[in-house]
Amino acid sequence: MEMRENWPQLLLQAASDMGINLTEEQVLIFTHYCREITVWNEKINLLSRSSSGDTLLKNFIDSLTPLPFLPHNKSALLDMGSGGGFPGIPLKIACDTLKVSLVESARKKTSFLKHLIRTLQLPEITVIHGRAENLQTNEAYRNTFDVVISKAAFKLPEFLPLGACCLAPSGILIAMKGEDVREEVDAAEPAAAASGLYLSGSHSVTLPVTGDRRRILIYKKA
């Protein structure tokens, strides 16, 4: 998975276009992230084996898009279905005061995430090995988080009730989706109502560098 030689500059520019100012140290951490995920991807399926370096760059950029929508820079954030660490780890790198928890059910991916956190020396970030459904019955996670987020790991009708259980009363749930989500949003209305959530924001985002379109959906507790 070869990255363009100028990808750190592309990442810097993309972040700047989104109003995010990355430091040289943060870009260096992303460089280490890139190296680790490239090595581990040969052993476990973090990204498609056919993925290019540009795919990884796009994942970094994509993962940063929710940052302007977070309530504050010390939010407690739960990333459900984190996989290769997206979006939780890029968000943590860009805003090191976030308190991040990553939920991942696959043991090998969990091992990668724990290794990555140690290697990148990221503070206040933990990995929860298990299914997101199991958090509903664990009092340690109920009504706890300022933000519950997922990057296309679940369909909305499934994600909303899972996330609602973990949200603090004033928290927000962020679903990162493709541009065309109207049918999925409509299908999720019964789940939203049953979970005590309402759609408070729907933001269209064009990714810098790639030009891909995304939709950031924000739900709040009614």
N, C-alpha and C. Protein backbone atom coordinates (compact mmCIF):
# COMPACT_ATOMS: atom_id res chain seq x y z
N MET A 1 0.86 -1.19 0.00
CA MET A 1 0.00 0.00 0.00
C MET A 1 0.89 1.24 0.00
N GLU A 2 1.23 1.69 -1.19
CA GLU A 2 2.16 2.81 -1.32
C GLU A 2 1.41 4.14 -1.20
N MET A 3 1.97 5.04 -0.39
CA MET A 3 1.41 6.39 -0.26
C MET A 3 2.20 7.35 -1.12
N ARG A 4 1.52 8.35 -1.65
CA ARG A 4 2.23 9.40 -2.37
C ARG A 4 3.26 10.06 -1.46
N GLU A 5 4.39 10.46 -2.04
CA GLU A 5 5.43 11.08 -1.24
C GLU A 5 4.94 12.36 -0.57
N ASN A 6 4.02 13.05 -1.21
CA ASN A 6 3.56 14.33 -0.66
C ASN A 6 2.29 14.20 0.16
N TRP A 7 1.97 12.96 0.60
CA TRP A 7 0.70 12.79 1.30
C TRP A 7 0.63 13.58 2.61
N PRO A 8 1.75 13.77 3.36
CA PRO A 8 1.63 14.61 4.57
C PRO A 8 1.17 16.04 4.24
N GLN A 9 1.67 16.58 3.12
CA GLN A 9 1.23 17.91 2.71
C GLN A 9 -0.23 17.92 2.29
N LEU A 10 -0.65 16.83 1.62
CA LEU A 10 -2.05 16.72 1.23
C LEU A 10 -2.96 16.64 2.46
N LEU A 11 -2.51 15.89 3.48
CA LEU A 11 -3.29 15.78 4.71
C LEU A 11 -3.37 17.13 5.42
N LEU A 12 -2.25 17.83 5.49
CA LEU A 12 -2.22 19.17 6.11
C LEU A 12 -3.19 20.11 5.42
N GLN A 13 -3.14 20.11 4.08
CA GLN A 13 -3.99 21.02 3.31
C GLN A 13 -5.46 20.65 3.47
N ALA A 14 -5.75 19.33 3.43
CA ALA A 14 -7.14 18.88 3.57
C ALA A 14 -7.70 19.28 4.92
N ALA A 15 -6.91 19.07 5.98
CA ALA A 15 -7.35 19.45 7.32
C ALA A 15 -7.58 20.95 7.40
N SER A 16 -6.67 21.72 6.83
CA SER A 16 -6.80 23.18 6.84
C SER A 16 -8.08 23.61 6.13
N ASP A 17 -8.39 22.94 5.02
CA ASP A 17 -9.61 23.26 4.28
C ASP A 17 -10.87 23.01 5.11
N MET A 18 -10.75 22.11 6.09
CA MET A 18 -11.88 21.81 6.98
C MET A 18 -11.83 22.63 8.27
N GLY A 19 -10.87 23.57 8.33
CA GLY A 19 -10.75 24.42 9.51
C GLY A 19 -10.00 23.76 10.65
N ILE A 20 -9.21 22.72 10.33
CA ILE A 20 -8.44 21.98 11.34
C ILE A 20 -6.96 22.24 11.10
N ASN A 21 -6.28 22.77 12.09
CA ASN A 21 -4.86 23.08 11.95
C ASN A 21 -4.03 22.00 12.63
N LEU A 22 -3.43 21.14 11.82
CA LEU A 22 -2.58 20.08 12.35
C LEU A 22 -1.16 20.60 12.53
N THR A 23 -0.51 20.16 13.59
CA THR A 23 0.89 20.51 13.81
C THR A 23 1.79 19.50 13.10
N GLU A 24 3.08 19.83 13.00
CA GLU A 24 4.04 18.89 12.41
C GLU A 24 4.08 17.60 13.22
N GLU A 25 3.98 17.71 14.54
CA GLU A 25 4.00 16.52 15.38
C GLU A 25 2.79 15.62 15.11
N GLN A 26 1.63 16.24 14.92
CA GLN A 26 0.43 15.46 14.63
C GLN A 26 0.54 14.76 13.27
N VAL A 27 1.10 15.46 12.29
CA VAL A 27 1.30 14.83 10.97
C VAL A 27 2.28 13.67 11.08
N LEU A 28 3.30 13.81 11.93
CA LEU A 28 4.25 12.72 12.15
C LEU A 28 3.56 11.51 12.77
N ILE A 29 2.63 11.76 13.70
CA ILE A 29 1.87 10.66 14.30
C ILE A 29 1.03 9.96 13.22
N PHE A 30 0.41 10.73 12.35
CA PHE A 30 -0.33 10.12 11.23
C PHE A 30 0.60 9.29 10.35
N THR A 31 1.83 9.72 10.17
CA THR A 31 2.80 8.97 9.38
C THR A 31 3.09 7.62 10.03
N HIS A 32 3.26 7.61 11.36
CA HIS A 32 3.46 6.35 12.08
C HIS A 32 2.21 5.47 11.98
N TYR A 33 1.06 6.09 12.07
CA TYR A 33 -0.22 5.36 11.92
C TYR A 33 -0.25 4.66 10.56
N CYS A 34 0.10 5.41 9.53
CA CYS A 34 0.12 4.87 8.17
C CYS A 34 1.04 3.66 8.07
N ARG A 35 2.22 3.76 8.66
CA ARG A 35 3.19 2.66 8.62
C ARG A 35 2.63 1.42 9.31
N GLU A 36 2.05 1.61 10.50
CA GLU A 36 1.55 0.47 11.27
C GLU A 36 0.38 -0.22 10.58
N ILE A 37 -0.53 0.56 10.06
CA ILE A 37 -1.71 -0.06 9.43
C ILE A 37 -1.31 -0.77 8.13
N THR A 38 -0.28 -0.26 7.44
CA THR A 38 0.21 -0.91 6.23
C THR A 38 0.83 -2.27 6.56
N VAL A 39 1.63 -2.31 7.64
CA VAL A 39 2.26 -3.57 8.06
C VAL A 39 1.22 -4.57 8.53
N TRP A 40 0.31 -4.13 9.39
CA TRP A 40 -0.69 -5.04 9.96
C TRP A 40 -1.72 -5.49 8.92
N ASN A 41 -1.93 -4.67 7.91
CA ASN A 41 -2.92 -5.03 6.89
C ASN A 41 -2.50 -6.27 6.09
N GLU A 42 -1.20 -6.57 6.13
CA GLU A 42 -0.72 -7.79 5.47
C GLU A 42 -1.13 -9.04 6.27
N LYS A 43 -1.41 -8.86 7.56
CA LYS A 43 -1.74 -9.99 8.42
C LYS A 43 -3.23 -10.11 8.70
N ILE A 44 -3.90 -8.96 8.88
CA ILE A 44 -5.34 -8.98 9.15
C ILE A 44 -6.01 -7.96 8.23
N ASN A 45 -7.29 -8.16 8.02
CA ASN A 45 -8.01 -7.36 7.02
C ASN A 45 -8.52 -6.07 7.64
N LEU A 46 -7.61 -5.09 7.83
CA LEU A 46 -8.02 -3.78 8.34
C LEU A 46 -8.65 -2.96 7.23
N LEU A 47 -8.04 -3.03 6.06
CA LEU A 47 -8.56 -2.42 4.84
C LEU A 47 -8.52 -3.48 3.75
N SER A 48 -9.26 -3.26 2.70
CA SER A 48 -9.21 -4.20 1.58
C SER A 48 -7.78 -4.34 1.09
N ARG A 49 -7.37 -5.58 0.79
CA ARG A 49 -6.00 -5.82 0.32
C ARG A 49 -5.72 -5.07 -0.98
N SER A 50 -6.78 -4.77 -1.72
CA SER A 50 -6.60 -4.05 -2.98
C SER A 50 -6.57 -2.54 -2.79
N SER A 51 -6.69 -2.09 -1.52
CA SER A 51 -6.71 -0.65 -1.25
C SER A 51 -5.37 -0.02 -1.62
N SER A 52 -5.44 1.21 -2.11
CA SER A 52 -4.23 1.96 -2.42
C SER A 52 -3.89 2.88 -1.26
N GLY A 53 -2.70 3.48 -1.34
CA GLY A 53 -2.33 4.47 -0.34
C GLY A 53 -3.31 5.63 -0.32
N ASP A 54 -3.88 5.95 -1.48
CA ASP A 54 -4.86 7.03 -1.53
C ASP A 54 -6.10 6.68 -0.72
N THR A 55 -6.44 5.39 -0.65
CA THR A 55 -7.59 4.96 0.16
C THR A 55 -7.33 5.25 1.62
N LEU A 56 -6.12 5.00 2.08
CA LEU A 56 -5.77 5.27 3.47
C LEU A 56 -5.80 6.77 3.75
N LEU A 57 -5.25 7.56 2.83
CA LEU A 57 -5.30 9.02 2.98
C LEU A 57 -6.74 9.49 3.07
N LYS A 58 -7.60 8.93 2.21
CA LYS A 58 -9.02 9.31 2.23
C LYS A 58 -9.66 8.94 3.56
N ASN A 59 -9.28 7.79 4.13
CA ASN A 59 -9.81 7.41 5.44
C ASN A 59 -9.40 8.39 6.52
N PHE A 60 -8.15 8.87 6.46
CA PHE A 60 -7.71 9.88 7.43
C PHE A 60 -8.55 11.15 7.29
N ILE A 61 -8.67 11.63 6.06
CA ILE A 61 -9.41 12.88 5.82
C ILE A 61 -10.88 12.71 6.22
N ASP A 62 -11.46 11.59 5.80
CA ASP A 62 -12.86 11.30 6.10
C ASP A 62 -13.10 11.28 7.61
N SER A 63 -12.16 10.69 8.35
CA SER A 63 -12.32 10.55 9.80
C SER A 63 -12.27 11.88 10.53
N LEU A 64 -11.67 12.89 9.91
CA LEU A 64 -11.57 14.20 10.56
C LEU A 64 -12.81 15.07 10.35
N THR A 65 -13.68 14.69 9.42
CA THR A 65 -14.82 15.55 9.09
C THR A 65 -15.76 15.84 10.26
N PRO A 66 -15.94 14.91 11.23
CA PRO A 66 -16.86 15.23 12.34
C PRO A 66 -16.28 16.20 13.37
N LEU A 67 -14.97 16.46 13.32
CA LEU A 67 -14.33 17.23 14.40
C LEU A 67 -15.02 18.58 14.67
N PRO A 68 -15.38 19.34 13.63
CA PRO A 68 -16.03 20.64 13.91
C PRO A 68 -17.40 20.52 14.58
N PHE A 69 -17.98 19.31 14.58
CA PHE A 69 -19.33 19.14 15.12
C PHE A 69 -19.32 18.61 16.56
N LEU A 70 -18.14 18.33 17.12
CA LEU A 70 -18.08 17.82 18.48
C LEU A 70 -18.46 18.93 19.47
N PRO A 71 -19.12 18.59 20.57
CA PRO A 71 -19.59 19.62 21.52
C PRO A 71 -18.46 20.46 22.12
N HIS A 72 -17.34 19.81 22.46
CA HIS A 72 -16.20 20.53 23.01
C HIS A 72 -14.97 19.64 22.90
N ASN A 73 -13.79 20.23 23.13
CA ASN A 73 -12.55 19.49 22.86
C ASN A 73 -12.15 18.54 23.98
N LYS A 74 -13.00 18.41 25.01
CA LYS A 74 -12.74 17.43 26.06
C LYS A 74 -13.86 16.39 26.11
N SER A 75 -14.56 16.25 25.00
CA SER A 75 -15.68 15.31 24.95
C SER A 75 -15.21 13.88 25.21
N ALA A 76 -16.06 13.11 25.89
CA ALA A 76 -15.87 11.67 26.01
C ALA A 76 -16.57 11.04 24.80
N LEU A 77 -15.79 10.37 23.95
CA LEU A 77 -16.28 9.91 22.65
C LEU A 77 -16.18 8.40 22.57
N LEU A 78 -17.26 7.77 22.12
CA LEU A 78 -17.32 6.33 21.92
C LEU A 78 -17.44 6.04 20.43
N ASP A 79 -16.45 5.33 19.89
CA ASP A 79 -16.43 4.96 18.47
C ASP A 79 -16.87 3.51 18.35
N MET A 80 -18.06 3.29 17.79
CA MET A 80 -18.62 1.94 17.69
C MET A 80 -18.23 1.30 16.36
N GLY A 81 -17.64 0.12 16.43
CA GLY A 81 -17.21 -0.58 15.23
C GLY A 81 -15.98 0.07 14.62
N SER A 82 -14.95 0.23 15.42
CA SER A 82 -13.81 1.06 15.04
C SER A 82 -12.95 0.46 13.93
N GLY A 83 -12.87 -0.86 13.84
CA GLY A 83 -12.09 -1.49 12.77
C GLY A 83 -10.62 -1.13 12.86
N GLY A 84 -10.13 -0.39 11.86
CA GLY A 84 -8.74 0.05 11.84
C GLY A 84 -8.49 1.32 12.61
N GLY A 85 -9.49 1.73 13.42
CA GLY A 85 -9.34 2.93 14.24
C GLY A 85 -10.07 4.14 13.72
N PHE A 86 -10.91 3.94 12.69
CA PHE A 86 -11.61 5.06 12.06
C PHE A 86 -13.04 5.18 12.59
N PRO A 87 -13.45 6.36 13.01
CA PRO A 87 -12.74 7.65 12.99
C PRO A 87 -12.04 8.01 14.30
N GLY A 88 -12.15 7.13 15.32
CA GLY A 88 -11.74 7.52 16.67
C GLY A 88 -10.28 7.94 16.80
N ILE A 89 -9.37 7.18 16.19
CA ILE A 89 -7.95 7.50 16.37
C ILE A 89 -7.55 8.78 15.62
N PRO A 90 -7.94 8.98 14.36
CA PRO A 90 -7.63 10.28 13.74
C PRO A 90 -8.20 11.46 14.51
N LEU A 91 -9.41 11.32 15.06
CA LEU A 91 -9.98 12.40 15.86
C LEU A 91 -9.14 12.66 17.11
N LYS A 92 -8.65 11.58 17.73
CA LYS A 92 -7.82 11.71 18.93
C LYS A 92 -6.49 12.38 18.59
N ILE A 93 -5.90 12.01 17.45
CA ILE A 93 -4.63 12.62 17.04
C ILE A 93 -4.81 14.11 16.81
N ALA A 94 -5.91 14.47 16.15
CA ALA A 94 -6.16 15.88 15.82
C ALA A 94 -6.56 16.70 17.04
N CYS A 95 -7.15 16.04 18.05
CA CYS A 95 -7.59 16.74 19.26
C CYS A 95 -7.25 15.87 20.46
N ASP A 96 -6.05 16.06 21.00
CA ASP A 96 -5.55 15.11 21.99
C ASP A 96 -6.24 15.20 23.35
N THR A 97 -7.10 16.21 23.53
CA THR A 97 -7.83 16.31 24.80
C THR A 97 -9.11 15.48 24.82
N LEU A 98 -9.50 14.90 23.69
CA LEU A 98 -10.65 14.02 23.67
C LEU A 98 -10.37 12.77 24.51
N LYS A 99 -11.42 12.26 25.14
CA LYS A 99 -11.33 10.99 25.85
C LYS A 99 -12.07 9.96 25.00
N VAL A 100 -11.31 9.03 24.42
CA VAL A 100 -11.85 8.18 23.36
C VAL A 100 -11.90 6.72 23.81
N SER A 101 -13.02 6.07 23.49
CA SER A 101 -13.17 4.63 23.68
C SER A 101 -13.52 4.01 22.33
N LEU A 102 -12.82 2.95 21.97
CA LEU A 102 -13.02 2.27 20.69
C LEU A 102 -13.66 0.91 20.94
N VAL A 103 -14.78 0.65 20.31
CA VAL A 103 -15.45 -0.64 20.45
C VAL A 103 -15.19 -1.47 19.19
N GLU A 104 -14.67 -2.66 19.38
CA GLU A 104 -14.38 -3.54 18.25
C GLU A 104 -14.58 -4.99 18.68
N SER A 105 -15.33 -5.76 17.87
CA SER A 105 -15.66 -7.12 18.24
C SER A 105 -14.61 -8.14 17.78
N ALA A 106 -13.86 -7.83 16.73
CA ALA A 106 -12.87 -8.77 16.20
C ALA A 106 -11.60 -8.73 17.04
N ARG A 107 -11.17 -9.88 17.54
CA ARG A 107 -10.03 -9.92 18.45
C ARG A 107 -8.75 -9.43 17.78
N LYS A 108 -8.51 -9.81 16.54
CA LYS A 108 -7.27 -9.40 15.86
C LYS A 108 -7.24 -7.89 15.66
N LYS A 109 -8.37 -7.31 15.32
CA LYS A 109 -8.43 -5.85 15.16
C LYS A 109 -8.25 -5.16 16.51
N THR A 110 -8.80 -5.77 17.56
CA THR A 110 -8.61 -5.23 18.90
C THR A 110 -7.12 -5.22 19.26
N SER A 111 -6.42 -6.30 18.92
CA SER A 111 -4.98 -6.37 19.18
C SER A 111 -4.24 -5.28 18.44
N PHE A 112 -4.63 -5.04 17.18
CA PHE A 112 -4.01 -3.96 16.41
C PHE A 112 -4.24 -2.61 17.06
N LEU A 113 -5.47 -2.35 17.48
CA LEU A 113 -5.79 -1.05 18.08
C LEU A 113 -4.99 -0.82 19.36
N LYS A 114 -4.88 -1.85 20.18
CA LYS A 114 -4.10 -1.70 21.42
C LYS A 114 -2.63 -1.46 21.11
N HIS A 115 -2.11 -2.19 20.12
CA HIS A 115 -0.72 -1.98 19.70
C HIS A 115 -0.52 -0.57 19.17
N LEU A 116 -1.47 -0.10 18.38
CA LEU A 116 -1.36 1.22 17.77
C LEU A 116 -1.35 2.32 18.84
N ILE A 117 -2.22 2.19 19.82
CA ILE A 117 -2.29 3.18 20.90
C ILE A 117 -0.97 3.25 21.66
N ARG A 118 -0.39 2.06 21.92
CA ARG A 118 0.92 2.04 22.60
C ARG A 118 2.00 2.65 21.72
N THR A 119 2.00 2.30 20.45
CA THR A 119 3.04 2.77 19.54
C THR A 119 2.97 4.28 19.34
N LEU A 120 1.77 4.80 19.20
CA LEU A 120 1.59 6.24 18.98
C LEU A 120 1.61 7.03 20.28
N GLN A 121 1.62 6.31 21.40
CA GLN A 121 1.67 6.93 22.74
C GLN A 121 0.52 7.92 22.94
N LEU A 122 -0.69 7.42 22.63
CA LEU A 122 -1.88 8.25 22.76
C LEU A 122 -2.46 8.11 24.17
N PRO A 123 -2.65 9.21 24.89
CA PRO A 123 -3.22 9.14 26.24
C PRO A 123 -4.75 9.13 26.20
N GLU A 124 -5.35 8.67 27.27
CA GLU A 124 -6.81 8.71 27.46
C GLU A 124 -7.57 8.14 26.26
N ILE A 125 -7.15 6.96 25.83
CA ILE A 125 -7.88 6.25 24.80
C ILE A 125 -7.83 4.76 25.14
N THR A 126 -8.97 4.12 25.11
CA THR A 126 -9.07 2.72 25.50
C THR A 126 -9.78 1.91 24.41
N VAL A 127 -9.55 0.60 24.44
CA VAL A 127 -10.17 -0.32 23.50
C VAL A 127 -11.10 -1.25 24.27
N ILE A 128 -12.32 -1.35 23.81
CA ILE A 128 -13.31 -2.26 24.41
C ILE A 128 -13.51 -3.41 23.44
N HIS A 129 -13.07 -4.60 23.84
CA HIS A 129 -13.25 -5.77 22.97
C HIS A 129 -14.63 -6.39 23.24
N GLY A 130 -15.46 -6.35 22.22
CA GLY A 130 -16.79 -6.93 22.38
C GLY A 130 -17.75 -6.33 21.36
N ARG A 131 -18.93 -6.88 21.34
CA ARG A 131 -19.96 -6.38 20.44
C ARG A 131 -20.63 -5.14 21.02
N ALA A 132 -20.97 -4.22 20.16
CA ALA A 132 -21.61 -2.98 20.61
C ALA A 132 -22.90 -3.27 21.38
N GLU A 133 -23.59 -4.34 20.99
CA GLU A 133 -24.84 -4.70 21.66
C GLU A 133 -24.63 -4.97 23.15
N ASN A 134 -23.44 -5.46 23.51
CA ASN A 134 -23.18 -5.82 24.91
C ASN A 134 -23.06 -4.59 25.81
N LEU A 135 -22.80 -3.44 25.22
CA LEU A 135 -22.66 -2.22 26.03
C LEU A 135 -23.98 -1.81 26.65
N GLN A 136 -25.09 -2.23 26.03
CA GLN A 136 -26.40 -1.83 26.51
C GLN A 136 -26.68 -2.34 27.92
N THR A 137 -26.07 -3.46 28.28
CA THR A 137 -26.35 -4.05 29.58
C THR A 137 -25.22 -3.80 30.58
N ASN A 138 -24.24 -3.01 30.18
CA ASN A 138 -23.10 -2.71 31.06
C ASN A 138 -23.26 -1.31 31.63
N GLU A 139 -23.47 -1.23 32.94
CA GLU A 139 -23.74 0.06 33.58
C GLU A 139 -22.57 1.03 33.45
N ALA A 140 -21.37 0.52 33.21
CA ALA A 140 -20.20 1.39 33.09
C ALA A 140 -20.28 2.28 31.85
N TYR A 141 -21.08 1.85 30.87
CA TYR A 141 -21.14 2.59 29.61
C TYR A 141 -22.48 3.28 29.36
N ARG A 142 -23.48 2.97 30.15
CA ARG A 142 -24.81 3.56 29.94
C ARG A 142 -24.82 5.03 30.34
N ASN A 143 -25.41 5.86 29.48
CA ASN A 143 -25.59 7.30 29.77
C ASN A 143 -24.27 7.99 30.13
N THR A 144 -23.20 7.63 29.43
CA THR A 144 -21.85 8.03 29.83
C THR A 144 -21.19 9.02 28.87
N PHE A 145 -21.42 8.90 27.58
CA PHE A 145 -20.59 9.57 26.58
C PHE A 145 -21.22 10.84 26.03
N ASP A 146 -20.38 11.85 25.81
CA ASP A 146 -20.83 13.08 25.17
C ASP A 146 -21.13 12.87 23.69
N VAL A 147 -20.37 11.95 23.08
CA VAL A 147 -20.50 11.66 21.65
C VAL A 147 -20.42 10.16 21.44
N VAL A 148 -21.37 9.61 20.69
CA VAL A 148 -21.26 8.25 20.18
C VAL A 148 -21.23 8.37 18.66
N ILE A 149 -20.22 7.74 18.05
CA ILE A 149 -19.99 7.95 16.62
C ILE A 149 -19.73 6.61 15.93
N SER A 150 -20.07 6.54 14.66
CA SER A 150 -19.74 5.36 13.86
C SER A 150 -19.53 5.77 12.41
N LYS A 151 -18.52 5.21 11.81
CA LYS A 151 -18.20 5.50 10.40
C LYS A 151 -18.70 4.35 9.53
N ALA A 152 -19.98 4.41 9.22
CA ALA A 152 -20.61 3.47 8.29
C ALA A 152 -20.51 2.01 8.73
N ALA A 153 -20.35 1.77 10.05
CA ALA A 153 -20.25 0.39 10.53
C ALA A 153 -21.63 -0.25 10.73
N PHE A 154 -22.66 0.58 10.88
CA PHE A 154 -24.01 0.08 11.12
C PHE A 154 -25.00 0.84 10.25
N LYS A 155 -26.10 0.19 9.92
CA LYS A 155 -27.23 0.90 9.36
C LYS A 155 -27.91 1.70 10.48
N LEU A 156 -28.51 2.83 10.13
CA LEU A 156 -29.10 3.71 11.15
C LEU A 156 -30.10 3.02 12.07
N PRO A 157 -31.02 2.19 11.55
CA PRO A 157 -32.00 1.57 12.47
C PRO A 157 -31.33 0.72 13.54
N GLU A 158 -30.13 0.20 13.26
CA GLU A 158 -29.39 -0.58 14.26
C GLU A 158 -28.55 0.32 15.16
N PHE A 159 -27.94 1.33 14.57
CA PHE A 159 -27.00 2.18 15.31
C PHE A 159 -27.70 3.06 16.34
N LEU A 160 -28.86 3.59 16.00
CA LEU A 160 -29.51 4.55 16.89
C LEU A 160 -29.83 3.97 18.27
N PRO A 161 -30.47 2.81 18.37
CA PRO A 161 -30.73 2.27 19.71
C PRO A 161 -29.46 1.87 20.45
N LEU A 162 -28.46 1.37 19.72
CA LEU A 162 -27.19 1.01 20.36
C LEU A 162 -26.52 2.24 20.96
N GLY A 163 -26.48 3.31 20.16
CA GLY A 163 -25.81 4.52 20.62
C GLY A 163 -26.57 5.26 21.69
N ALA A 164 -27.90 5.26 21.59
CA ALA A 164 -28.72 6.01 22.55
C ALA A 164 -28.49 5.55 23.98
N CYS A 165 -28.29 4.26 24.17
CA CYS A 165 -28.08 3.72 25.52
C CYS A 165 -26.82 4.28 26.17
N CYS A 166 -25.83 4.63 25.35
CA CYS A 166 -24.53 5.06 25.88
C CYS A 166 -24.41 6.58 25.97
N LEU A 167 -25.37 7.30 25.42
CA LEU A 167 -25.30 8.77 25.40
C LEU A 167 -25.65 9.38 26.75
N ALA A 168 -24.83 10.36 27.17
CA ALA A 168 -25.21 11.20 28.30
C ALA A 168 -26.43 12.02 27.91
N PRO A 169 -27.19 12.53 28.88
CA PRO A 169 -28.43 13.26 28.55
C PRO A 169 -28.26 14.38 27.55
N SER A 170 -27.13 15.08 27.59
CA SER A 170 -26.91 16.19 26.65
C SER A 170 -26.03 15.80 25.48
N GLY A 171 -25.79 14.49 25.31
CA GLY A 171 -24.86 14.03 24.28
C GLY A 171 -25.45 14.02 22.89
N ILE A 172 -24.56 13.77 21.91
CA ILE A 172 -25.00 13.67 20.52
C ILE A 172 -24.50 12.37 19.90
N LEU A 173 -25.27 11.88 18.97
CA LEU A 173 -24.91 10.69 18.21
C LEU A 173 -24.59 11.13 16.79
N ILE A 174 -23.42 10.74 16.28
CA ILE A 174 -22.99 11.14 14.94
C ILE A 174 -22.86 9.91 14.06
N ALA A 175 -23.60 9.90 12.96
CA ALA A 175 -23.50 8.83 11.97
C ALA A 175 -22.83 9.39 10.72
N MET A 176 -21.72 8.78 10.31
CA MET A 176 -20.99 9.21 9.12
C MET A 176 -21.44 8.34 7.95
N LYS A 177 -22.00 8.97 6.94
CA LYS A 177 -22.63 8.24 5.85
C LYS A 177 -22.21 8.80 4.50
N GLY A 178 -22.61 8.07 3.44
CA GLY A 178 -22.49 8.61 2.10
C GLY A 178 -23.51 9.71 1.89
N GLU A 179 -23.45 10.35 0.73
CA GLU A 179 -24.29 11.53 0.50
C GLU A 179 -25.78 11.20 0.47
N ASP A 180 -26.15 10.09 -0.16
CA ASP A 180 -27.56 9.78 -0.38
C ASP A 180 -28.08 8.90 0.76
N VAL A 181 -28.67 9.52 1.77
CA VAL A 181 -29.10 8.78 2.96
C VAL A 181 -30.59 8.92 3.25
N ARG A 182 -31.34 9.58 2.37
CA ARG A 182 -32.74 9.87 2.67
C ARG A 182 -33.53 8.61 3.01
N GLU A 183 -33.39 7.55 2.21
CA GLU A 183 -34.16 6.33 2.48
C GLU A 183 -33.79 5.72 3.82
N GLU A 184 -32.48 5.74 4.13
CA GLU A 184 -32.03 5.17 5.40
C GLU A 184 -32.52 5.99 6.59
N VAL A 185 -32.51 7.31 6.45
CA VAL A 185 -33.02 8.18 7.51
C VAL A 185 -34.51 7.93 7.73
N ASP A 186 -35.26 7.82 6.65
CA ASP A 186 -36.70 7.55 6.77
C ASP A 186 -36.94 6.20 7.44
N ALA A 187 -36.15 5.19 7.04
CA ALA A 187 -36.33 3.85 7.60
C ALA A 187 -35.97 3.82 9.09
N ALA A 188 -35.14 4.77 9.52
CA ALA A 188 -34.69 4.79 10.91
C ALA A 188 -35.60 5.59 11.83
N GLU A 189 -36.63 6.24 11.28
CA GLU A 189 -37.49 7.09 12.12
C GLU A 189 -38.13 6.33 13.27
N PRO A 190 -38.65 5.11 13.06
CA PRO A 190 -39.23 4.38 14.21
C PRO A 190 -38.18 4.07 15.28
N ALA A 191 -36.96 3.71 14.87
CA ALA A 191 -35.89 3.42 15.83
C ALA A 191 -35.49 4.68 16.58
N ALA A 192 -35.46 5.80 15.89
CA ALA A 192 -35.12 7.07 16.54
C ALA A 192 -36.16 7.41 17.60
N ALA A 193 -37.44 7.30 17.23
CA ALA A 193 -38.51 7.63 18.17
C ALA A 193 -38.48 6.70 19.38
N ALA A 194 -38.26 5.40 19.13
CA ALA A 194 -38.23 4.42 20.22
C ALA A 194 -37.03 4.64 21.13
N SER A 195 -35.97 5.23 20.58
CA SER A 195 -34.75 5.47 21.37
C SER A 195 -34.72 6.85 22.00
N GLY A 196 -35.76 7.64 21.76
CA GLY A 196 -35.81 8.99 22.33
C GLY A 196 -34.85 9.94 21.65
N LEU A 197 -34.63 9.75 20.34
CA LEU A 197 -33.70 10.59 19.59
C LEU A 197 -34.44 11.36 18.51
N TYR A 198 -33.87 12.50 18.13
CA TYR A 198 -34.38 13.22 16.96
C TYR A 198 -33.20 13.73 16.14
N LEU A 199 -33.41 13.83 14.84
CA LEU A 199 -32.36 14.29 13.93
C LEU A 199 -32.24 15.80 14.06
N SER A 200 -31.12 16.26 14.61
CA SER A 200 -30.95 17.70 14.83
C SER A 200 -30.08 18.37 13.78
N GLY A 201 -29.37 17.58 12.98
CA GLY A 201 -28.52 18.17 11.95
C GLY A 201 -28.18 17.17 10.88
N SER A 202 -28.13 17.65 9.63
CA SER A 202 -27.73 16.82 8.49
C SER A 202 -26.83 17.68 7.62
N HIS A 203 -25.54 17.37 7.63
CA HIS A 203 -24.54 18.25 7.01
C HIS A 203 -23.88 17.56 5.82
N SER A 204 -23.96 18.19 4.68
CA SER A 204 -23.27 17.69 3.49
C SER A 204 -21.83 18.17 3.50
N VAL A 205 -20.89 17.25 3.30
CA VAL A 205 -19.47 17.56 3.36
C VAL A 205 -18.80 17.04 2.08
N THR A 206 -18.01 17.90 1.45
CA THR A 206 -17.18 17.47 0.32
C THR A 206 -15.76 17.30 0.82
N LEU A 207 -15.22 16.10 0.68
CA LEU A 207 -13.88 15.84 1.18
C LEU A 207 -12.84 16.58 0.35
N PRO A 208 -11.95 17.33 1.00
CA PRO A 208 -10.84 17.94 0.27
C PRO A 208 -9.98 16.84 -0.37
N VAL A 209 -9.26 17.21 -1.40
CA VAL A 209 -8.35 16.32 -2.16
C VAL A 209 -9.13 15.35 -3.04
N THR A 210 -10.03 14.55 -2.43
CA THR A 210 -10.71 13.51 -3.21
C THR A 210 -11.98 14.02 -3.89
N GLY A 211 -12.65 15.01 -3.27
CA GLY A 211 -13.91 15.51 -3.82
C GLY A 211 -15.10 14.63 -3.52
N ASP A 212 -14.90 13.54 -2.76
CA ASP A 212 -16.01 12.65 -2.41
C ASP A 212 -17.01 13.38 -1.51
N ARG A 213 -18.26 12.99 -1.63
CA ARG A 213 -19.33 13.61 -0.85
C ARG A 213 -19.70 12.73 0.33
N ARG A 214 -19.93 13.37 1.47
CA ARG A 214 -20.32 12.67 2.68
C ARG A 214 -21.49 13.38 3.33
N ARG A 215 -22.16 12.65 4.22
CA ARG A 215 -23.27 13.23 4.98
C ARG A 215 -23.01 12.94 6.47
N ILE A 216 -22.98 13.99 7.27
CA ILE A 216 -22.82 13.86 8.72
C ILE A 216 -24.19 14.05 9.35
N LEU A 217 -24.72 13.00 9.96
CA LEU A 217 -26.03 13.06 10.62
C LEU A 217 -25.82 13.18 12.12
N ILE A 218 -26.52 14.11 12.74
CA ILE A 218 -26.40 14.32 14.17
C ILE A 218 -27.76 14.16 14.84
N TYR A 219 -27.80 13.24 15.80
CA TYR A 219 -29.02 12.99 16.57
C TYR A 219 -28.81 13.43 18.01
N LYS A 220 -29.88 13.95 18.62
CA LYS A 220 -29.86 14.32 20.02
C LYS A 220 -30.98 13.61 20.75
N LYS A 221 -30.84 13.53 22.08
CA LYS A 221 -31.91 12.96 22.88
C LYS A 221 -33.05 13.97 23.00
N ALA A 222 -34.25 13.49 22.81
CA ALA A 222 -35.42 14.37 22.86
C ALA A 222 -35.67 14.81 24.29
